[in-house]
Amino acid sequence: IYDGLWYELAFLYHAGKPRMMLNPMRRIIETFIIFTGIDEFYAKNQDIKRLLNVNSHGNVVFDVDTTSIGCDDLINMMKSLFKNNNYEAHFNKKWKHWKKHCNG
């Protein structure tokens, strides 16, 4: 399931669908947190946590604008989360593999 989420993220990235990338990003991170047991994964990035949770749990949020955020912006935000938790190598490995795999 975890690799499937990375595949979905890369597929949406290549399709140019940044708003659709938010859910697989959130699910990747949630799965990663469960696996690693990191309690404060978002400690330095509360704004990113809020962005990833926009409209994902049944609460409709109107004060977060996702229209100006591009695919590369989202990937860079996600990378910063992993980097801030000393897992940048994990992010780089997964992203490089799936980005290449989905690009042909």
N, C-alpha and C. Protein backbone atom coordinates (compact mmCIF):
# COMPACT_ATOMS: atom_id res chain seq x y z
N ILE A 1 0.83 -1.19 0.00
CA ILE A 1 0.00 0.00 0.00
C ILE A 1 0.87 1.25 0.00
N TYR A 2 1.93 1.24 0.77
CA TYR A 2 2.81 2.42 0.88
C TYR A 2 3.40 2.78 -0.49
N ASP A 3 3.94 1.80 -1.18
CA ASP A 3 4.50 2.08 -2.51
C ASP A 3 3.41 2.51 -3.49
N GLY A 4 2.22 1.97 -3.32
CA GLY A 4 1.10 2.39 -4.16
C GLY A 4 0.76 3.86 -3.99
N LEU A 5 0.89 4.35 -2.78
CA LEU A 5 0.66 5.77 -2.52
C LEU A 5 1.72 6.63 -3.21
N TRP A 6 2.96 6.18 -3.18
CA TRP A 6 4.04 6.90 -3.88
C TRP A 6 3.78 6.89 -5.38
N TYR A 7 3.32 5.75 -5.90
CA TYR A 7 2.99 5.66 -7.32
C TYR A 7 1.88 6.65 -7.67
N GLU A 8 0.83 6.68 -6.85
CA GLU A 8 -0.29 7.60 -7.08
C GLU A 8 0.20 9.05 -7.06
N LEU A 9 1.05 9.37 -6.11
CA LEU A 9 1.59 10.72 -6.02
C LEU A 9 2.37 11.09 -7.28
N ALA A 10 3.24 10.21 -7.74
CA ALA A 10 4.02 10.47 -8.95
C ALA A 10 3.13 10.57 -10.18
N PHE A 11 2.11 9.72 -10.25
CA PHE A 11 1.18 9.76 -11.38
C PHE A 11 0.47 11.11 -11.44
N LEU A 12 -0.03 11.58 -10.29
CA LEU A 12 -0.71 12.87 -10.24
C LEU A 12 0.25 14.02 -10.51
N TYR A 13 1.48 13.89 -10.07
CA TYR A 13 2.51 14.89 -10.34
C TYR A 13 2.70 15.03 -11.85
N HIS A 14 2.89 13.90 -12.53
CA HIS A 14 3.10 13.94 -13.98
C HIS A 14 1.86 14.38 -14.73
N ALA A 15 0.69 14.16 -14.16
CA ALA A 15 -0.57 14.60 -14.78
C ALA A 15 -0.85 16.08 -14.52
N GLY A 16 -0.02 16.70 -13.67
CA GLY A 16 -0.20 18.12 -13.36
C GLY A 16 -1.44 18.40 -12.52
N LYS A 17 -1.68 17.56 -11.52
CA LYS A 17 -2.86 17.68 -10.66
C LYS A 17 -2.47 17.97 -9.21
N PRO A 18 -1.99 19.17 -8.92
CA PRO A 18 -1.50 19.44 -7.56
C PRO A 18 -2.54 19.28 -6.46
N ARG A 19 -3.77 19.71 -6.68
CA ARG A 19 -4.77 19.58 -5.61
C ARG A 19 -5.08 18.12 -5.32
N MET A 20 -4.98 17.27 -6.32
CA MET A 20 -5.24 15.85 -6.11
C MET A 20 -4.06 15.15 -5.43
N MET A 21 -2.90 15.80 -5.42
CA MET A 21 -1.71 15.23 -4.78
C MET A 21 -1.80 15.30 -3.26
N LEU A 22 -2.61 16.18 -2.71
CA LEU A 22 -2.65 16.39 -1.27
C LEU A 22 -3.03 15.13 -0.50
N ASN A 23 -4.03 14.40 -0.97
CA ASN A 23 -4.48 13.22 -0.24
C ASN A 23 -3.42 12.12 -0.20
N PRO A 24 -2.81 11.73 -1.34
CA PRO A 24 -1.76 10.71 -1.22
C PRO A 24 -0.56 11.19 -0.41
N MET A 25 -0.24 12.48 -0.46
CA MET A 25 0.85 12.99 0.37
C MET A 25 0.53 12.79 1.84
N ARG A 26 -0.68 13.16 2.24
CA ARG A 26 -1.10 13.01 3.63
C ARG A 26 -1.07 11.54 4.05
N ARG A 27 -1.56 10.66 3.19
CA ARG A 27 -1.60 9.24 3.51
C ARG A 27 -0.20 8.63 3.58
N ILE A 28 0.72 9.07 2.72
CA ILE A 28 2.11 8.61 2.79
C ILE A 28 2.69 8.99 4.15
N ILE A 29 2.50 10.23 4.53
CA ILE A 29 3.06 10.72 5.78
C ILE A 29 2.42 10.02 6.98
N GLU A 30 1.11 9.84 6.95
CA GLU A 30 0.44 9.13 8.05
C GLU A 30 0.99 7.72 8.19
N THR A 31 1.17 7.03 7.08
CA THR A 31 1.71 5.67 7.10
C THR A 31 3.13 5.67 7.62
N PHE A 32 3.93 6.63 7.18
CA PHE A 32 5.31 6.75 7.61
C PHE A 32 5.39 7.01 9.11
N ILE A 33 4.52 7.87 9.62
CA ILE A 33 4.50 8.17 11.05
C ILE A 33 4.17 6.91 11.85
N ILE A 34 3.21 6.15 11.39
CA ILE A 34 2.84 4.91 12.09
C ILE A 34 4.02 3.94 12.10
N PHE A 35 4.68 3.81 10.97
CA PHE A 35 5.80 2.88 10.84
C PHE A 35 6.99 3.29 11.71
N THR A 36 7.31 4.59 11.73
CA THR A 36 8.50 5.06 12.45
C THR A 36 8.21 5.42 13.90
N GLY A 37 6.97 5.73 14.21
CA GLY A 37 6.62 6.14 15.57
C GLY A 37 7.00 7.57 15.90
N ILE A 38 7.27 8.38 14.90
CA ILE A 38 7.61 9.79 15.13
C ILE A 38 6.33 10.54 15.52
N ASP A 39 6.30 11.06 16.74
CA ASP A 39 5.11 11.76 17.22
C ASP A 39 4.99 13.18 16.67
N GLU A 40 6.09 13.83 16.51
CA GLU A 40 6.08 15.25 16.14
C GLU A 40 6.60 15.48 14.72
N PHE A 41 6.14 14.69 13.78
CA PHE A 41 6.63 14.78 12.41
C PHE A 41 6.43 16.18 11.83
N TYR A 42 5.32 16.83 12.19
CA TYR A 42 5.00 18.16 11.66
C TYR A 42 5.48 19.30 12.56
N ALA A 43 6.28 19.02 13.57
CA ALA A 43 6.65 20.02 14.58
C ALA A 43 7.11 21.34 13.98
N LYS A 44 7.92 21.29 12.95
CA LYS A 44 8.45 22.51 12.33
C LYS A 44 7.64 22.96 11.13
N ASN A 45 6.55 22.26 10.83
CA ASN A 45 5.81 22.51 9.59
C ASN A 45 4.30 22.42 9.80
N GLN A 46 3.76 23.13 10.75
CA GLN A 46 2.32 23.08 11.01
C GLN A 46 1.50 23.58 9.83
N ASP A 47 2.02 24.53 9.07
CA ASP A 47 1.30 25.04 7.90
C ASP A 47 1.12 23.95 6.84
N ILE A 48 2.14 23.12 6.68
CA ILE A 48 2.04 22.02 5.72
C ILE A 48 1.02 21.00 6.21
N LYS A 49 1.00 20.72 7.49
CA LYS A 49 0.02 19.79 8.04
C LYS A 49 -1.39 20.30 7.77
N ARG A 50 -1.60 21.55 7.99
CA ARG A 50 -2.93 22.14 7.75
C ARG A 50 -3.30 22.03 6.28
N LEU A 51 -2.36 22.32 5.41
CA LEU A 51 -2.61 22.22 3.97
C LEU A 51 -2.98 20.79 3.57
N LEU A 52 -2.24 19.82 4.08
CA LEU A 52 -2.50 18.42 3.73
C LEU A 52 -3.83 17.92 4.28
N ASN A 53 -4.30 18.52 5.34
CA ASN A 53 -5.57 18.10 5.93
C ASN A 53 -6.78 18.85 5.39
N VAL A 54 -6.56 19.80 4.49
CA VAL A 54 -7.68 20.57 3.93
C VAL A 54 -8.68 19.62 3.29
N ASN A 55 -9.89 19.69 3.77
CA ASN A 55 -11.03 18.95 3.22
C ASN A 55 -10.82 17.44 3.18
N SER A 56 -9.92 16.91 3.99
CA SER A 56 -9.64 15.48 3.92
C SER A 56 -10.35 14.65 4.99
N HIS A 57 -10.89 15.29 5.99
CA HIS A 57 -11.51 14.55 7.08
C HIS A 57 -12.96 14.97 7.29
N GLY A 58 -13.62 15.38 6.23
CA GLY A 58 -15.02 15.75 6.33
C GLY A 58 -15.26 17.19 6.73
N ASN A 59 -14.23 17.90 7.14
CA ASN A 59 -14.36 19.31 7.48
C ASN A 59 -14.01 20.15 6.26
N VAL A 60 -14.96 20.91 5.78
CA VAL A 60 -14.70 21.75 4.63
C VAL A 60 -14.03 23.04 5.11
N VAL A 61 -12.86 23.31 4.56
CA VAL A 61 -12.08 24.48 4.95
C VAL A 61 -12.05 25.44 3.78
N PHE A 62 -12.42 26.69 4.03
CA PHE A 62 -12.47 27.68 2.97
C PHE A 62 -11.35 28.70 3.02
N ASP A 63 -10.58 28.72 4.09
CA ASP A 63 -9.58 29.78 4.23
C ASP A 63 -8.16 29.35 3.83
N VAL A 64 -8.02 28.20 3.20
CA VAL A 64 -6.73 27.76 2.71
C VAL A 64 -6.80 27.71 1.19
N ASP A 65 -5.99 28.52 0.53
CA ASP A 65 -5.99 28.60 -0.92
C ASP A 65 -4.98 27.62 -1.49
N THR A 66 -5.46 26.61 -2.20
CA THR A 66 -4.57 25.63 -2.81
C THR A 66 -4.38 25.88 -4.30
N THR A 67 -5.05 26.88 -4.84
CA THR A 67 -5.00 27.10 -6.28
C THR A 67 -3.66 27.63 -6.78
N SER A 68 -2.92 28.28 -5.93
CA SER A 68 -1.65 28.86 -6.38
C SER A 68 -0.44 27.97 -6.10
N ILE A 69 -0.69 26.78 -5.58
CA ILE A 69 0.40 25.86 -5.25
C ILE A 69 0.55 24.84 -6.37
N GLY A 70 1.76 24.75 -6.92
CA GLY A 70 2.02 23.82 -8.01
C GLY A 70 2.56 22.49 -7.53
N CYS A 71 2.68 21.58 -8.46
CA CYS A 71 3.16 20.23 -8.16
C CYS A 71 4.56 20.25 -7.53
N ASP A 72 5.47 21.03 -8.11
CA ASP A 72 6.83 21.11 -7.56
C ASP A 72 6.84 21.72 -6.17
N ASP A 73 5.97 22.71 -5.94
CA ASP A 73 5.86 23.31 -4.61
C ASP A 73 5.48 22.25 -3.57
N LEU A 74 4.51 21.42 -3.92
CA LEU A 74 4.06 20.39 -2.99
C LEU A 74 5.15 19.36 -2.70
N ILE A 75 5.85 18.94 -3.75
CA ILE A 75 6.92 17.97 -3.55
C ILE A 75 8.01 18.56 -2.67
N ASN A 76 8.34 19.83 -2.89
CA ASN A 76 9.35 20.49 -2.06
C ASN A 76 8.91 20.60 -0.60
N MET A 77 7.62 20.85 -0.38
CA MET A 77 7.09 20.91 0.98
C MET A 77 7.21 19.54 1.65
N MET A 78 6.83 18.52 0.90
CA MET A 78 6.89 17.17 1.45
C MET A 78 8.33 16.77 1.76
N LYS A 79 9.23 17.12 0.86
CA LYS A 79 10.64 16.82 1.07
C LYS A 79 11.15 17.51 2.34
N SER A 80 10.71 18.75 2.57
CA SER A 80 11.16 19.48 3.76
C SER A 80 10.70 18.78 5.04
N LEU A 81 9.51 18.18 5.02
CA LEU A 81 9.04 17.43 6.19
C LEU A 81 9.97 16.26 6.50
N PHE A 82 10.30 15.50 5.46
CA PHE A 82 11.19 14.36 5.66
C PHE A 82 12.59 14.83 6.07
N LYS A 83 13.06 15.90 5.47
CA LYS A 83 14.38 16.44 5.80
C LYS A 83 14.43 16.90 7.26
N ASN A 84 13.39 17.60 7.71
CA ASN A 84 13.35 18.10 9.09
C ASN A 84 13.29 16.97 10.11
N ASN A 85 12.96 15.78 9.67
CA ASN A 85 12.89 14.62 10.57
C ASN A 85 14.02 13.63 10.32
N ASN A 86 15.03 14.07 9.58
CA ASN A 86 16.22 13.27 9.28
C ASN A 86 15.92 12.02 8.44
N TYR A 87 14.93 12.15 7.55
CA TYR A 87 14.59 11.06 6.63
C TYR A 87 14.61 11.53 5.18
N GLU A 88 15.46 12.51 4.89
CA GLU A 88 15.55 13.02 3.53
C GLU A 88 15.98 11.93 2.55
N ALA A 89 16.88 11.05 2.96
CA ALA A 89 17.35 9.97 2.09
C ALA A 89 16.19 9.04 1.72
N HIS A 90 15.31 8.78 2.67
CA HIS A 90 14.14 7.94 2.39
C HIS A 90 13.25 8.62 1.35
N PHE A 91 12.97 9.91 1.56
CA PHE A 91 12.16 10.65 0.60
C PHE A 91 12.80 10.61 -0.79
N ASN A 92 14.08 10.93 -0.85
CA ASN A 92 14.77 10.98 -2.14
C ASN A 92 14.72 9.64 -2.87
N LYS A 93 14.92 8.57 -2.14
CA LYS A 93 14.89 7.23 -2.74
C LYS A 93 13.51 6.93 -3.31
N LYS A 94 12.47 7.13 -2.51
CA LYS A 94 11.11 6.84 -2.95
C LYS A 94 10.69 7.74 -4.11
N TRP A 95 10.95 9.03 -3.98
CA TRP A 95 10.51 9.97 -5.01
C TRP A 95 11.25 9.73 -6.32
N LYS A 96 12.54 9.52 -6.26
CA LYS A 96 13.32 9.27 -7.47
C LYS A 96 12.80 8.03 -8.19
N HIS A 97 12.56 6.95 -7.44
CA HIS A 97 12.08 5.71 -8.04
C HIS A 97 10.72 5.89 -8.70
N TRP A 98 9.75 6.42 -7.96
CA TRP A 98 8.39 6.49 -8.48
C TRP A 98 8.23 7.58 -9.51
N LYS A 99 8.96 8.67 -9.39
CA LYS A 99 8.87 9.73 -10.40
C LYS A 99 9.37 9.18 -11.74
N LYS A 100 10.47 8.44 -11.69
CA LYS A 100 11.02 7.83 -12.90
C LYS A 100 10.07 6.76 -13.44
N HIS A 101 9.55 5.92 -12.55
CA HIS A 101 8.68 4.82 -12.94
C HIS A 101 7.41 5.33 -13.64
N CYS A 102 6.86 6.40 -13.15
CA CYS A 102 5.61 6.94 -13.72
C CYS A 102 5.86 7.79 -14.95
N ASN A 103 7.08 8.16 -15.19
CA ASN A 103 7.41 9.00 -16.34
C ASN A 103 7.78 8.17 -17.56
N GLY A 104 7.91 6.88 -17.35
CA GLY A 104 8.23 6.02 -18.48
C GLY A 104 9.69 5.81 -18.55
